[in-house]
Amino acid sequence: MTLLCERCYGPIDPAREDFYHLAHISHADRSGDVVWNDATVHSDPSCAVMAHADGAGRHRKAA
């Protein structure tokens, strides 16, 4: 399976690059089944969007 960065839409190579796998609940149906939305993003500032952003979208570490 090919992983694509949700920020820059570039491919992520799991063997060579660090990345985050994110998931959040999209919705739940009446029977209680949960539908998840999954995403992957580069964790490095090498992500094209992060490296060339003018202040917006910069990577910040959680406190």
Protein backbone atom coordinates (compact mmCIF):
# COMPACT_ATOMS: atom_id res chain seq x y z
CA MET A 1 0.00 0.00 0.00
CA THR A 2 1.34 3.44 -0.91
CA LEU A 3 1.20 6.05 1.84
CA LEU A 4 0.56 9.66 0.79
CA CYS A 5 1.15 12.70 2.97
CA GLU A 6 -2.09 14.59 3.63
CA ARG A 7 -0.16 17.89 3.69
CA CYS A 8 1.92 17.74 0.50
CA TYR A 9 0.38 14.69 -1.24
CA GLY A 10 3.88 13.29 -1.67
CA PRO A 11 4.62 9.60 -1.14
CA ILE A 12 5.89 8.42 2.24
CA ASP A 13 8.46 5.63 2.36
CA PRO A 14 7.93 3.86 5.72
CA ALA A 15 11.39 2.27 5.51
CA ARG A 16 13.23 5.61 5.20
CA GLU A 17 10.95 8.36 6.54
CA ASP A 18 9.32 9.17 9.85
CA PHE A 19 5.61 9.79 9.66
CA TYR A 20 2.51 10.04 11.81
CA HIS A 21 -0.50 7.83 11.35
CA LEU A 22 -3.59 9.75 12.46
CA ALA A 23 -7.12 8.50 12.95
CA HIS A 24 -10.33 10.09 14.10
CA ILE A 25 -13.93 8.99 14.28
CA SER A 26 -15.92 9.94 11.20
CA HIS A 27 -19.27 8.79 12.54
CA ALA A 28 -21.07 5.99 14.31
CA ASP A 29 -24.23 4.32 13.10
CA ARG A 30 -27.28 3.37 15.16
CA SER A 31 -25.90 -0.07 15.96
CA GLY A 32 -22.75 1.48 17.44
CA ASP A 33 -20.33 0.60 14.63
CA VAL A 34 -17.67 3.30 14.28
CA VAL A 35 -16.29 4.49 10.94
CA TRP A 36 -12.72 5.83 11.15
CA ASN A 37 -10.94 8.36 8.92
CA ASP A 38 -7.23 7.55 8.62
CA ALA A 39 -4.45 9.88 7.48
CA THR A 40 -0.66 9.89 7.29
CA VAL A 41 1.62 12.93 7.35
CA HIS A 42 5.38 13.49 7.26
CA SER A 43 6.81 14.19 10.72
CA ASP A 44 9.93 15.82 9.26
CA PRO A 45 10.14 19.40 7.99
CA SER A 46 11.12 17.76 4.69
CA CYS A 47 7.45 17.78 3.78
CA ALA A 48 7.18 20.23 0.89
CA VAL A 49 4.28 22.17 2.39
CA MET A 50 6.01 22.51 5.76
CA ALA A 51 9.43 23.41 4.37
CA HIS A 52 8.09 26.19 2.15
CA ALA A 53 5.31 27.55 4.37
CA ASP A 54 5.61 31.21 5.35
CA GLY A 55 4.70 30.76 8.98
CA ALA A 56 1.47 28.90 8.33
CA GLY A 57 1.46 25.17 8.88
CA ARG A 58 4.79 24.97 10.67
CA HIS A 59 5.49 21.83 12.64
CA ARG A 60 5.25 22.38 16.38
CA LYS A 61 6.01 19.79 19.02
CA ALA A 62 3.40 19.12 21.66
CA ALA A 63 4.22 20.40 25.14
